[in-house]
Structure formats: C-alpha cells, structure tokens
Amino acid sequence: MIERNIGYFTLDNASNNDTAIRCIAAKLELLSIKFDPVKRRLQCLGHIINLVVKAFLWGNDPERFEQEADSLADQENYEAELLLWWKRGPLGKLHNIVQWIGRSPQHQDEYAEKVRQLNPESTAAALVQGNVTRWGGDYEDLKRALHQRDALEEFVSTAIQHNQHGEQDAQVTAPKYDELTPEDCSISTDIMQFLQPFRMWQLMLQAHHMQGALYDVLPAMDELLLHMED
C-alpha cells in the first residue's frame, strides 16, 4: 500500500503546505499509520535563500514593502512610488531609473545607443527590471547596471539637464531624485559581491542533478554561513 511508503515532503515555507501535511497525517492516523507532520515536512533551501536575501535587500518585512509598492503602482501614484523605492537606498534608486527607462520606447532606444557608444563590446544593451518577490532579477539588474555604469551615469545626467531646461514634461521623473552617486555605486558593488554566492547556490540547487538531499544542502549552508561571517 502506498500509504505505508510515504516518506518526506520538501516544500516551500507557505503556510498552506503545513496544512496539507497535517491533513495527510490525519488521514494516515485513521489507518493507524504514524506520521509526524513536523519531522516529515522539509524546508526548501532555495526558498529559504530567497527569503533571506529579500530580507537583506528590502528589510524585515519585504512582503509588506512589496504590497505597498504594488498598490502605488496600481493607483498610478508615480511620485509616491518613486519616493518609496528611493528610501531603499542605491538599489531603490536603480529600480526607479530602470523603470523610468523601461516606460518609454524612446528612452530605451536612447539608452541602448548610449551603451553601444561607450561599451561596444557589450552584448546586452537593455537593463533588467527586478522585483521584490524574486531577488534574482534584482541581482542581474545590479550586475548589468554596474557593467554599464559609464553609460548609465551619462544617460541619467543628460536626462536631468534636459529636464532642468524644460525639455521634458512637468511630471516628476526618476532621474531628478535617483542619480547614483559614487558612494551609491560603491555600496552597490559591495552588495553584488555579497550576493554572488547566494545566487550561485540558488542556481545550483535548481539544477536537474540536485535532489535537495542533505549532501546537496549542507555544503550550501556551510559555505553561505562562512561567507556571511567573513
């Protein structure tokens, strides 16, 4: 019988998964089969890494921040949304700039041309829009922005000058508040270097040859713990 061969469940941290395991335990108890819903429910390390990094990037309650950002976007309250992200430091500023560029095909084309002028060897001209739910986009966004730093700084500086001379509409725009300073870029570089091992292990744990077993998980936990302590 399959009921006597049920082992362990590796699931993410959503509360409805706890409910599902308790339901299985209750069904098995009716068949006089012992099944501890706590011991048999394993956490997904990839999901834990995602939660850890989100808290590092966006604070102790990233879900609330995500809800507030989504709510302002739905309301099209652009200025309040800009200010919300601006308070999150260099990554918040970068988010605003990337979003500002992405909202206009003209901005996208102008930025791509700037990248080609200053980084002819670059194979990707567009920036990546990250999000709060999955931090991988934020990492790739930061990585590409730092690689294209000269083009990004010059493009934003030019946009601010044009705005000051009345060449753009009166709407509050991201570059007005979100020009990256040398200190911002230094902090962003430190953040990217800190996140590199987390990104590496997250991708490795998603690979087909990884089974989520202890011999996969423990090396990741050891390396990440030492990395954070260092």
C-alpha atoms as a PDB file:
ATOM      1  CA  MET A   1       0.000   0.000   0.000  1.00  0.00           C
ATOM      2  CA  ILE A   2       1.271   3.438  -0.884  1.00  0.00           C
ATOM      3  CA  GLU A   3       0.079   4.752   2.499  1.00  0.00           C
ATOM      4  CA  ARG A   4       2.862   2.763   4.238  1.00  0.00           C
ATOM      5  CA  ASN A   5       5.574   4.055   1.901  1.00  0.00           C
ATOM      6  CA  ILE A   6       5.140   7.800   2.322  1.00  0.00           C
ATOM      7  CA  GLY A   7       8.412   9.439   3.323  1.00  0.00           C
ATOM      8  CA  TYR A   8       9.322  13.113   3.482  1.00  0.00           C
ATOM      9  CA  PHE A   9       7.999  16.191   1.696  1.00  0.00           C
ATOM     10  CA  THR A  10      10.302  19.032   0.581  1.00  0.00           C
ATOM     11  CA  LEU A  11       8.139  22.141   0.251  1.00  0.00           C
ATOM     12  CA  ASP A  12       8.481  25.898   0.396  1.00  0.00           C
ATOM     13  CA  ASN A  13       7.546  27.843   3.512  1.00  0.00           C
ATOM     14  CA  ALA A  14       3.953  28.699   2.584  1.00  0.00           C
ATOM     15  CA  SER A  15       1.531  28.014   5.440  1.00  0.00           C
ATOM     16  CA  ASN A  16      -0.867  26.094   3.184  1.00  0.00           C
ATOM     17  CA  ASN A  17       1.852  23.451   2.779  1.00  0.00           C
ATOM     18  CA  ASP A  18       1.835  22.971   6.574  1.00  0.00           C
ATOM     19  CA  THR A  19      -1.930  22.479   6.346  1.00  0.00           C
ATOM     20  CA  ALA A  20      -1.527  19.907   3.571  1.00  0.00           C
ATOM     21  CA  ILE A  21       0.981  17.844   5.583  1.00  0.00           C
ATOM     22  CA  ARG A  22      -1.253  17.903   8.679  1.00  0.00           C
ATOM     23  CA  CYS A  23      -4.142  16.710   6.509  1.00  0.00           C
ATOM     24  CA  ILE A  24      -2.041  13.786   5.256  1.00  0.00           C
ATOM     25  CA  ALA A  25      -1.068  12.960   8.854  1.00  0.00           C
ATOM     26  CA  ALA A  26      -4.737  12.948   9.898  1.00  0.00           C
ATOM     27  CA  LYS A  27      -5.672  10.597   7.043  1.00  0.00           C
ATOM     28  CA  LEU A  28      -2.822   8.229   7.897  1.00  0.00           C
ATOM     29  CA  GLU A  29      -3.769   8.246  11.576  1.00  0.00           C
ATOM     30  CA  LEU A  30      -7.160   6.812  10.589  1.00  0.00           C
ATOM     31  CA  LEU A  31      -5.210   3.898   9.100  1.00  0.00           C
ATOM     32  CA  SER A  32      -3.122   3.533  12.295  1.00  0.00           C
ATOM     33  CA  ILE A  33      -0.017   4.742  10.483  1.00  0.00           C
ATOM     34  CA  LYS A  34       2.310   7.030  12.432  1.00  0.00           C
ATOM     35  CA  PHE A  35       3.289  10.146  10.505  1.00  0.00           C
ATOM     36  CA  ASP A  36       4.818  13.186  12.228  1.00  0.00           C
ATOM     37  CA  PRO A  37       3.772  16.231  10.152  1.00  0.00           C
ATOM     38  CA  VAL A  38       6.653  18.308  11.590  1.00  0.00           C
ATOM     39  CA  LYS A  39       9.521  15.859  11.107  1.00  0.00           C
ATOM     40  CA  ARG A  40       8.324  14.723   7.691  1.00  0.00           C
ATOM     41  CA  ARG A  41       7.996  18.266   6.341  1.00  0.00           C
ATOM     42  CA  LEU A  42      11.337  19.545   4.985  1.00  0.00           C
ATOM     43  CA  GLN A  43      12.010  23.165   4.026  1.00  0.00           C
ATOM     44  CA  CYS A  44      13.251  24.029   0.532  1.00  0.00           C
ATOM     45  CA  LEU A  45      16.688  25.654   0.880  1.00  0.00           C
ATOM     46  CA  GLY A  46      16.254  27.559  -2.371  1.00  0.00           C
ATOM     47  CA  HIS A  47      13.121  29.163  -0.954  1.00  0.00           C
ATOM     48  CA  ILE A  48      14.892  29.926   2.339  1.00  0.00           C
ATOM     49  CA  ILE A  49      17.725  31.605   0.415  1.00  0.00           C
ATOM     50  CA  ASN A  50      15.135  33.717  -1.384  1.00  0.00           C
ATOM     51  CA  LEU A  51      13.584  34.795   1.943  1.00  0.00           C
ATOM     52  CA  VAL A  52      16.984  35.581   3.486  1.00  0.00           C
ATOM     53  CA  VAL A  53      18.152  37.716   0.576  1.00  0.00           C
ATOM     54  CA  LYS A  54      14.824  39.545   0.288  1.00  0.00           C
ATOM     55  CA  ALA A  55      15.102  40.499   3.959  1.00  0.00           C
ATOM     56  CA  PHE A  56      18.700  41.640   3.389  1.00  0.00           C
ATOM     57  CA  LEU A  57      17.708  43.789   0.406  1.00  0.00           C
ATOM     58  CA  TRP A  58      14.322  45.149   1.425  1.00  0.00           C
ATOM     59  CA  GLY A  59      14.058  44.907   5.227  1.00  0.00           C
ATOM     60  CA  ASN A  60      12.489  42.608   7.791  1.00  0.00           C
ATOM     61  CA  ASP A  61       9.052  42.687   6.138  1.00  0.00           C
ATOM     62  CA  PRO A  62       9.653  42.526   2.370  1.00  0.00           C
ATOM     63  CA  GLU A  63       6.117  41.238   1.744  1.00  0.00           C
ATOM     64  CA  ARG A  64       4.632  44.405   3.200  1.00  0.00           C
ATOM     65  CA  PHE A  65       7.007  46.515   1.123  1.00  0.00           C
ATOM     66  CA  GLU A  66       6.002  44.534  -1.969  1.00  0.00           C
ATOM     67  CA  GLN A  67       2.297  45.070  -1.264  1.00  0.00           C
ATOM     68  CA  GLU A  68       2.801  48.804  -0.762  1.00  0.00           C
ATOM     69  CA  ALA A  69       4.822  49.121  -3.979  1.00  0.00           C
ATOM     70  CA  ASP A  70       2.226  47.143  -5.961  1.00  0.00           C
ATOM     71  CA  SER A  71      -0.607  49.201  -4.500  1.00  0.00           C
ATOM     72  CA  LEU A  72       1.022  52.503  -5.512  1.00  0.00           C
ATOM     73  CA  ALA A  73       1.732  51.130  -8.990  1.00  0.00           C
ATOM     74  CA  ASP A  74      -1.912  50.052  -9.390  1.00  0.00           C
ATOM     75  CA  GLN A  75      -3.033  53.514  -8.296  1.00  0.00           C
ATOM     76  CA  GLU A  76      -0.576  55.045 -10.797  1.00  0.00           C
ATOM     77  CA  ASN A  77       0.729  57.191  -7.946  1.00  0.00           C
ATOM     78  CA  TYR A  78       4.074  57.574  -9.652  1.00  0.00           C
ATOM     79  CA  GLU A  79       5.622  60.157  -7.327  1.00  0.00           C
ATOM     80  CA  ALA A  80       4.762  58.185  -4.152  1.00  0.00           C
ATOM     81  CA  GLU A  81       6.100  55.008  -5.755  1.00  0.00           C
ATOM     82  CA  LEU A  82       9.368  56.763  -6.616  1.00  0.00           C
ATOM     83  CA  LEU A  83       9.728  58.018  -3.061  1.00  0.00           C
ATOM     84  CA  LEU A  84       9.004  54.577  -1.604  1.00  0.00           C
ATOM     85  CA  TRP A  85      11.815  52.980  -3.609  1.00  0.00           C
ATOM     86  CA  TRP A  86      14.132  55.966  -3.126  1.00  0.00           C
ATOM     87  CA  LYS A  87      14.085  55.334   0.637  1.00  0.00           C
ATOM     88  CA  ARG A  88      15.570  51.878  -0.013  1.00  0.00           C
ATOM     89  CA  GLY A  89      18.996  53.225  -0.904  1.00  0.00           C
ATOM     90  CA  PRO A  90      21.082  52.590  -4.037  1.00  0.00           C
ATOM     91  CA  LEU A  91      19.063  49.571  -5.187  1.00  0.00           C
ATOM     92  CA  GLY A  92      15.857  51.550  -4.824  1.00  0.00           C
ATOM     93  CA  LYS A  93      17.330  54.353  -6.908  1.00  0.00           C
ATOM     94  CA  LEU A  94      18.423  51.884  -9.563  1.00  0.00           C
ATOM     95  CA  HIS A  95      14.936  50.351  -9.608  1.00  0.00           C
ATOM     96  CA  ASN A  96      13.432  53.788 -10.284  1.00  0.00           C
ATOM     97  CA  ILE A  97      15.884  54.544 -13.075  1.00  0.00           C
ATOM     98  CA  VAL A  98      15.355  51.178 -14.786  1.00  0.00           C
ATOM     99  CA  GLN A  99      11.590  51.570 -14.531  1.00  0.00           C
ATOM    100  CA  TRP A 100      11.798  55.107 -15.919  1.00  0.00           C
ATOM    101  CA  ILE A 101      13.827  53.956 -18.907  1.00  0.00           C
ATOM    102  CA  GLY A 102      11.559  50.964 -19.496  1.00  0.00           C
ATOM    103  CA  ARG A 103       8.364  53.014 -19.567  1.00  0.00           C
ATOM    104  CA  SER A 104       9.388  54.868 -22.727  1.00  0.00           C
ATOM    105  CA  PRO A 105      10.447  53.227 -26.015  1.00  0.00           C
ATOM    106  CA  GLN A 106      12.328  56.438 -26.788  1.00  0.00           C
ATOM    107  CA  HIS A 107      14.284  56.206 -23.527  1.00  0.00           C
ATOM    108  CA  GLN A 108      15.031  52.548 -24.224  1.00  0.00           C
ATOM    109  CA  ASP A 109      16.389  53.309 -27.688  1.00  0.00           C
ATOM    110  CA  GLU A 110      18.430  56.282 -26.457  1.00  0.00           C
ATOM    111  CA  TYR A 111      19.909  54.263 -23.600  1.00  0.00           C
ATOM    112  CA  ALA A 112      20.763  51.340 -25.893  1.00  0.00           C
ATOM    113  CA  GLU A 113      22.551  53.743 -28.221  1.00  0.00           C
ATOM    114  CA  LYS A 114      24.499  55.206 -25.290  1.00  0.00           C
ATOM    115  CA  VAL A 115      25.578  51.716 -24.220  1.00  0.00           C
ATOM    116  CA  ARG A 116      26.742  50.911 -27.748  1.00  0.00           C
ATOM    117  CA  GLN A 117      28.758  54.150 -27.846  1.00  0.00           C
ATOM    118  CA  LEU A 118      30.568  53.604 -24.540  1.00  0.00           C
ATOM    119  CA  ASN A 119      30.545  49.781 -24.352  1.00  0.00           C
ATOM    120  CA  PRO A 120      30.891  48.493 -27.922  1.00  0.00           C
ATOM    121  CA  GLU A 121      31.740  45.016 -26.619  1.00  0.00           C
ATOM    122  CA  SER A 122      28.524  44.771 -24.601  1.00  0.00           C
ATOM    123  CA  THR A 123      26.168  42.036 -25.840  1.00  0.00           C
ATOM    124  CA  ALA A 124      23.151  43.336 -23.880  1.00  0.00           C
ATOM    125  CA  ALA A 125      22.125  46.984 -24.001  1.00  0.00           C
ATOM    126  CA  ALA A 126      18.874  46.799 -22.023  1.00  0.00           C
ATOM    127  CA  LEU A 127      18.729  46.811 -18.232  1.00  0.00           C
ATOM    128  CA  VAL A 128      16.873  44.126 -16.277  1.00  0.00           C
ATOM    129  CA  GLN A 129      13.842  45.064 -14.174  1.00  0.00           C
ATOM    130  CA  GLY A 130      13.993  43.302 -10.806  1.00  0.00           C
ATOM    131  CA  ASN A 131      11.160  42.761  -8.383  1.00  0.00           C
ATOM    132  CA  VAL A 132      10.599  42.161  -4.693  1.00  0.00           C
ATOM    133  CA  THR A 133       9.136  38.673  -4.994  1.00  0.00           C
ATOM    134  CA  ARG A 134      12.212  37.104  -6.612  1.00  0.00           C
ATOM    135  CA  TRP A 135      15.562  38.681  -5.907  1.00  0.00           C
ATOM    136  CA  GLY A 136      17.351  37.092  -8.878  1.00  0.00           C
ATOM    137  CA  GLY A 137      16.100  39.887 -11.114  1.00  0.00           C
ATOM    138  CA  ASP A 138      17.473  42.476  -8.708  1.00  0.00           C
ATOM    139  CA  TYR A 139      20.872  40.761  -8.788  1.00  0.00           C
ATOM    140  CA  GLU A 140      21.001  40.619 -12.589  1.00  0.00           C
ATOM    141  CA  ASP A 141      19.763  44.223 -12.746  1.00  0.00           C
ATOM    142  CA  LEU A 142      22.557  45.339 -10.424  1.00  0.00           C
ATOM    143  CA  LYS A 143      25.201  43.289 -12.215  1.00  0.00           C
ATOM    144  CA  ARG A 144      24.326  44.704 -15.623  1.00  0.00           C
ATOM    145  CA  ALA A 145      23.971  48.266 -14.340  1.00  0.00           C
ATOM    146  CA  LEU A 146      27.447  48.192 -12.790  1.00  0.00           C
ATOM    147  CA  HIS A 147      28.858  46.756 -16.004  1.00  0.00           C
ATOM    148  CA  GLN A 148      27.216  49.624 -17.920  1.00  0.00           C
ATOM    149  CA  ARG A 149      27.948  52.203 -15.240  1.00  0.00           C
ATOM    150  CA  ASP A 150      29.528  54.836 -17.521  1.00  0.00           C
ATOM    151  CA  ALA A 151      26.643  54.703 -19.975  1.00  0.00           C
ATOM    152  CA  LEU A 152      24.036  54.750 -17.213  1.00  0.00           C
ATOM    153  CA  GLU A 153      25.596  57.715 -15.401  1.00  0.00           C
ATOM    154  CA  GLU A 154      25.954  59.768 -18.585  1.00  0.00           C
ATOM    155  CA  PHE A 155      22.430  58.945 -19.746  1.00  0.00           C
ATOM    156  CA  VAL A 156      20.841  59.911 -16.414  1.00  0.00           C
ATOM    157  CA  SER A 157      22.932  63.090 -16.136  1.00  0.00           C
ATOM    158  CA  THR A 158      21.820  64.166 -19.614  1.00  0.00           C
ATOM    159  CA  ALA A 159      18.184  63.444 -18.752  1.00  0.00           C
ATOM    160  CA  ILE A 160      18.423  65.636 -15.643  1.00  0.00           C
ATOM    161  CA  GLN A 161      19.920  68.502 -17.657  1.00  0.00           C
ATOM    162  CA  HIS A 162      17.157  68.250 -20.254  1.00  0.00           C
ATOM    163  CA  ASN A 163      14.525  68.298 -17.545  1.00  0.00           C
ATOM    164  CA  GLN A 164      16.045  71.406 -15.981  1.00  0.00           C
ATOM    165  CA  HIS A 165      15.855  73.183 -19.338  1.00  0.00           C
ATOM    166  CA  GLY A 166      12.190  72.323 -19.753  1.00  0.00           C
ATOM    167  CA  GLU A 167      12.751  69.765 -22.480  1.00  0.00           C
ATOM    168  CA  GLN A 168      10.562  67.198 -20.706  1.00  0.00           C
ATOM    169  CA  ASP A 169       7.106  67.448 -19.241  1.00  0.00           C
ATOM    170  CA  ALA A 170       6.424  68.681 -15.716  1.00  0.00           C
ATOM    171  CA  GLN A 171       5.862  65.186 -14.295  1.00  0.00           C
ATOM    172  CA  VAL A 172       8.246  64.166 -11.531  1.00  0.00           C
ATOM    173  CA  THR A 173      10.803  61.834 -13.082  1.00  0.00           C
ATOM    174  CA  ALA A 174      13.155  59.294 -11.578  1.00  0.00           C
ATOM    175  CA  PRO A 175      16.460  60.946 -12.568  1.00  0.00           C
ATOM    176  CA  LYS A 176      15.532  64.059 -10.584  1.00  0.00           C
ATOM    177  CA  TYR A 177      15.867  62.076  -7.340  1.00  0.00           C
ATOM    178  CA  ASP A 178      17.730  58.921  -8.284  1.00  0.00           C
ATOM    179  CA  GLU A 179      21.047  59.868  -9.828  1.00  0.00           C
ATOM    180  CA  LEU A 180      23.575  57.374  -8.472  1.00  0.00           C
ATOM    181  CA  THR A 181      26.456  58.914  -6.521  1.00  0.00           C
ATOM    182  CA  PRO A 182      29.965  57.386  -6.304  1.00  0.00           C
ATOM    183  CA  GLU A 183      29.033  56.194  -2.807  1.00  0.00           C
ATOM    184  CA  ASP A 184      25.886  54.552  -4.188  1.00  0.00           C
ATOM    185  CA  CYS A 185      27.962  52.699  -6.770  1.00  0.00           C
ATOM    186  CA  SER A 186      30.467  51.600  -4.118  1.00  0.00           C
ATOM    187  CA  ILE A 187      27.687  50.261  -1.891  1.00  0.00           C
ATOM    188  CA  SER A 188      26.057  48.556  -4.884  1.00  0.00           C
ATOM    189  CA  THR A 189      29.335  46.817  -5.729  1.00  0.00           C
ATOM    190  CA  ASP A 190      29.615  45.543  -2.149  1.00  0.00           C
ATOM    191  CA  ILE A 191      26.024  44.293  -2.276  1.00  0.00           C
ATOM    192  CA  MET A 192      26.614  42.425  -5.534  1.00  0.00           C
ATOM    193  CA  GLN A 193      29.763  40.769  -4.187  1.00  0.00           C
ATOM    194  CA  PHE A 194      27.893  39.756  -1.032  1.00  0.00           C
ATOM    195  CA  LEU A 195      25.063  38.230  -3.078  1.00  0.00           C
ATOM    196  CA  GLN A 196      27.222  36.274  -5.541  1.00  0.00           C
ATOM    197  CA  PRO A 197      27.455  33.022  -3.506  1.00  0.00           C
ATOM    198  CA  PHE A 198      23.705  33.140  -2.781  1.00  0.00           C
ATOM    199  CA  ARG A 199      22.977  33.452  -6.488  1.00  0.00           C
ATOM    200  CA  MET A 200      25.405  30.657  -7.343  1.00  0.00           C
ATOM    201  CA  TRP A 201      23.883  28.213  -4.851  1.00  0.00           C
ATOM    202  CA  GLN A 202      20.328  29.141  -5.749  1.00  0.00           C
ATOM    203  CA  LEU A 203      21.010  28.300  -9.389  1.00  0.00           C
ATOM    204  CA  MET A 204      22.878  25.110  -8.478  1.00  0.00           C
ATOM    205  CA  LEU A 205      20.068  23.878  -6.247  1.00  0.00           C
ATOM    206  CA  GLN A 206      17.655  24.309  -9.166  1.00  0.00           C
ATOM    207  CA  ALA A 207      19.775  22.084 -11.424  1.00  0.00           C
ATOM    208  CA  HIS A 208      18.452  18.690 -12.502  1.00  0.00           C
ATOM    209  CA  HIS A 209      21.306  16.786 -10.842  1.00  0.00           C
ATOM    210  CA  MET A 210      20.469  18.264  -7.429  1.00  0.00           C
ATOM    211  CA  GLN A 211      17.946  16.269  -5.409  1.00  0.00           C
ATOM    212  CA  GLY A 212      17.543  18.525  -2.377  1.00  0.00           C
ATOM    213  CA  ALA A 213      19.105  15.848  -0.177  1.00  0.00           C
ATOM    214  CA  LEU A 214      21.358  16.587   2.785  1.00  0.00           C
ATOM    215  CA  TYR A 215      24.505  16.008   0.715  1.00  0.00           C
ATOM    216  CA  ASP A 216      23.286  18.820  -1.579  1.00  0.00           C
ATOM    217  CA  VAL A 217      22.025  21.176   1.109  1.00  0.00           C
ATOM    218  CA  LEU A 218      24.686  21.009   3.841  1.00  0.00           C
ATOM    219  CA  PRO A 219      27.603  22.244   1.672  1.00  0.00           C
ATOM    220  CA  ALA A 220      25.464  25.217   0.611  1.00  0.00           C
ATOM    221  CA  MET A 221      24.532  26.027   4.211  1.00  0.00           C
ATOM    222  CA  ASP A 222      28.165  25.751   5.378  1.00  0.00           C
ATOM    223  CA  GLU A 223      29.544  27.937   2.595  1.00  0.00           C
ATOM    224  CA  LEU A 224      26.874  30.628   2.947  1.00  0.00           C
ATOM    225  CA  LEU A 225      27.274  30.741   6.732  1.00  0.00           C
ATOM    226  CA  LEU A 226      31.054  31.180   6.447  1.00  0.00           C
ATOM    227  CA  HIS A 227      30.537  33.797   3.735  1.00  0.00           C
ATOM    228  CA  MET A 228      28.231  35.849   5.967  1.00  0.00           C
ATOM    229  CA  GLU A 229      30.570  35.524   8.958  1.00  0.00           C
ATOM    230  CA  ASP A 230      33.515  36.719   6.836  1.00  0.00           C
END
